Every structure is written in structure tokens, then in C-alpha cells.
Amino acid sequence: MNQTRQEKRASSLLTVIALSVWTLSSGAARADDTPSPCAALKRIVAAAPDRFTSLQPGDGRSVAQPYGDDARCSTEGVNYQCVWTPHSEAGPTADALQAVAADIASCLPEATHDQNSPSRQHFYLGARASRTEITAITAGAGKLKLVVSAK
């Protein structure tokens, strides 16, 4: 079946919405005690043009905190990255990855979601020459990794 780009985006958006609803209804995300990842995601993306010099390693922990408590974040060159172990109640690592992608899509609606697989989610913002890329991936046994890259 050959889908157009618009049909693929609509299908991806529906998947993200369904996973967001599932995440909220399953108890994997608790609005009463879990920090919102949106402020952290927006702060990280806003820091991309200056190569993340305004960020501290802990600034990204809120992105992971709804899903894991052991986030380790760092700046490496043109990348800001966080690695963490998802909570068991977040479900399998692939489910937690989908939930992180749902957060990215809902927090950054202007981002284009151009890859959606069980082990990799990719988004980008901006024109090709000055693009900010956001990649969430499985990283080894039971780990997730978020990488925000500046061009």
C-alpha cells in the first residue's frame, strides 16, 4: 500500500494520540505527581542554536521523569542527550519509547515526525540548514535515550 506523505503524517499523529490516551488512562503517567516534560523539551530545543551552552546536565531530567528516575543528561558537541531506565509500570521499553514520542509530539506541535518505529522516533524542527533534530531510541537492554541535535 503506497501512502502519501500527508496520509503517513495523519497515521503517525493518530498513533501518537492513541498512545497518549493509553498512557494517561493506564496509569503510566500520573498528572498529580509527575513533572511535565514539555517545559524541559522546549528549553532544550530553544538552547539548540547556541549549542546548548545555556543548559545544565540536569535540565533534561524532566523529560525522562514521567518514565524513569535515573536520567543521566549531558551536552556533547552539537548534541544534548539523556539516557534512562523506564519504570516497570511504563510497560516494555518500546511502549515507553512511544509515550516519549507522544510527549514530543504534543509539546512541540510544530515538529515534523518523520520516523516512527518500535526502536526509533525521529522529529525535526526548522529549515534544513538550521534544523534541530530530536531522536528518541531504545539504547541497549531496557534503556531509552533522547538526543537533541543542533545543526
Protein backbone atom coordinates (compact mmCIF):
# COMPACT_ATOMS: atom_id res chain seq x y z
CA MET A 1 0.00 0.00 0.00
CA ASN A 2 1.53 3.27 -1.12
CA GLN A 3 0.60 6.14 1.22
CA THR A 4 1.11 9.79 0.54
CA ARG A 5 3.24 11.84 2.92
CA GLN A 6 0.11 13.52 4.30
CA GLU A 7 -1.57 10.13 4.96
CA LYS A 8 1.58 8.92 6.75
CA ARG A 9 1.64 12.04 8.94
CA ALA A 10 -2.05 11.60 9.77
CA SER A 11 -1.46 7.94 10.61
CA SER A 12 1.52 8.84 12.82
CA LEU A 13 -0.47 11.55 14.57
CA LEU A 14 -3.33 9.13 15.28
CA THR A 15 -0.84 6.64 16.73
CA VAL A 16 0.66 9.32 18.96
CA ILE A 17 -2.79 10.45 20.15
CA ALA A 18 -3.87 6.86 20.87
CA LEU A 19 -0.69 6.23 22.83
CA SER A 20 -1.13 9.47 24.77
CA VAL A 21 -4.65 8.43 25.76
CA TRP A 22 -3.41 4.95 26.68
CA THR A 23 -0.52 6.38 28.72
CA LEU A 24 -2.83 8.64 30.70
CA SER A 25 -5.52 6.00 31.23
CA SER A 26 -3.12 3.17 32.12
CA GLY A 27 -1.52 4.98 35.00
CA ALA A 28 1.89 5.16 33.31
CA ALA A 29 1.71 8.93 33.63
CA ARG A 30 0.31 10.48 36.79
CA ALA A 31 -0.67 14.13 36.49
CA ASP A 32 -0.70 14.55 40.25
CA ASP A 33 2.96 13.69 40.92
CA THR A 34 4.84 13.58 37.63
CA PRO A 35 6.52 16.69 36.23
CA SER A 36 5.58 17.73 32.74
CA PRO A 37 8.29 17.11 30.18
CA CYS A 38 7.09 20.00 28.00
CA ALA A 39 9.00 22.77 29.73
CA ALA A 40 12.23 20.76 29.58
CA LEU A 41 11.74 19.80 25.92
CA LYS A 42 11.04 23.41 24.97
CA ARG A 43 14.05 24.66 26.95
CA ILE A 44 16.36 22.09 25.30
CA VAL A 45 15.11 22.88 21.78
CA ALA A 46 15.41 26.63 22.43
CA ALA A 47 19.05 26.10 23.50
CA ALA A 48 19.97 24.26 20.28
CA PRO A 49 21.04 27.36 18.28
CA ASP A 50 23.66 28.23 20.94
CA ARG A 51 24.84 24.58 21.01
CA PHE A 52 23.19 24.02 24.40
CA THR A 53 25.63 26.28 26.26
CA SER A 54 22.79 27.63 28.40
CA LEU A 55 21.84 24.15 29.68
CA GLN A 56 23.00 22.21 32.70
CA PRO A 57 23.22 18.40 32.59
CA GLY A 58 20.12 18.07 34.81
CA ASP A 59 17.90 20.29 32.67
CA GLY A 60 16.64 17.31 30.70
CA ARG A 61 15.68 15.09 33.63
CA SER A 62 12.06 16.23 33.49
CA VAL A 63 11.76 14.74 30.01
CA ALA A 64 12.55 11.31 31.44
CA GLN A 65 11.00 11.68 34.88
CA PRO A 66 7.48 10.54 33.95
CA TYR A 67 9.06 7.25 32.83
CA GLY A 68 12.27 6.80 34.85
CA ASP A 69 14.21 8.26 37.78
CA ASP A 70 17.81 7.60 36.78
CA ALA A 71 18.22 10.00 33.83
CA ARG A 72 21.77 10.99 33.04
CA CYS A 73 21.96 14.01 30.74
CA SER A 74 24.92 15.70 29.12
CA THR A 75 26.00 18.03 26.34
CA GLU A 76 28.38 16.61 23.77
CA GLY A 77 29.33 18.99 20.96
CA VAL A 78 26.17 19.75 18.98
CA ASN A 79 24.08 17.21 20.96
CA TYR A 80 22.21 17.24 24.23
CA GLN A 81 21.33 13.74 25.36
CA CYS A 82 19.66 11.89 28.21
CA VAL A 83 19.70 8.15 28.93
CA TRP A 84 17.43 6.44 31.46
CA THR A 85 15.77 3.18 32.51
CA PRO A 86 11.97 3.26 32.16
CA HIS A 87 9.84 2.37 35.20
CA SER A 88 8.30 -1.10 35.03
CA GLU A 89 4.78 0.41 35.09
CA ALA A 90 5.62 2.28 31.87
CA GLY A 91 5.47 -1.13 30.18
CA PRO A 92 8.02 -2.58 27.80
CA THR A 93 10.76 -0.26 26.58
CA ALA A 94 9.04 0.06 23.19
CA ASP A 95 5.85 1.30 24.93
CA ALA A 96 7.82 3.82 26.97
CA LEU A 97 9.50 4.99 23.76
CA GLN A 98 6.09 5.53 22.15
CA ALA A 99 4.99 7.52 25.20
CA VAL A 100 8.08 9.75 24.96
CA ALA A 101 7.28 10.31 21.26
CA ALA A 102 3.73 11.25 22.24
CA ASP A 103 5.15 13.82 24.67
CA ILE A 104 7.41 15.26 21.99
CA ALA A 105 4.53 15.50 19.51
CA SER A 106 2.17 17.13 21.99
CA CYS A 107 4.76 19.51 23.48
CA LEU A 108 6.25 20.53 20.14
CA PRO A 109 3.35 20.52 17.67
CA GLU A 110 5.43 22.38 15.07
CA ALA A 111 7.88 19.44 14.90
CA THR A 112 7.68 17.07 11.94
CA HIS A 113 7.54 13.41 13.00
CA ASP A 114 9.27 11.62 10.15
CA GLN A 115 10.21 8.25 11.64
CA ASN A 116 8.07 6.03 13.84
CA SER A 117 9.41 2.57 14.60
CA PRO A 118 9.45 0.36 17.71
CA SER A 119 13.06 1.31 18.41
CA ARG A 120 13.40 4.84 16.98
CA GLN A 121 11.32 8.01 16.91
CA HIS A 122 12.60 10.99 14.96
CA PHE A 123 11.35 14.59 14.77
CA TYR A 124 12.79 17.77 13.34
CA LEU A 125 12.12 21.50 13.51
CA GLY A 126 13.22 24.26 11.19
CA ALA A 127 14.71 24.59 7.73
CA ARG A 128 17.32 22.06 6.62
CA ALA A 129 20.27 24.47 7.08
CA SER A 130 19.34 25.30 10.68
CA ARG A 131 17.39 22.21 11.66
CA THR A 132 17.02 20.90 15.21
CA GLU A 133 16.60 17.14 15.32
CA ILE A 134 15.03 15.17 18.16
CA THR A 135 15.61 11.43 18.31
CA ALA A 136 14.29 9.03 20.93
CA ILE A 137 15.67 5.50 20.71
CA THR A 138 15.99 2.29 22.67
CA ALA A 139 19.54 2.13 23.99
CA GLY A 140 20.56 -1.35 24.97
CA ALA A 141 18.67 -3.61 27.33
CA GLY A 142 15.88 -1.66 28.96
CA LYS A 143 17.23 1.86 28.34
CA LEU A 144 15.89 4.85 26.47
CA LYS A 145 17.91 7.68 25.01
CA LEU A 146 16.82 11.13 23.90
CA VAL A 147 19.18 13.11 21.66
CA VAL A 148 18.53 16.69 20.56
CA SER A 149 20.94 17.82 17.83
CA ALA A 150 21.66 21.28 16.51
CA LYS A 151 22.91 22.00 13.02
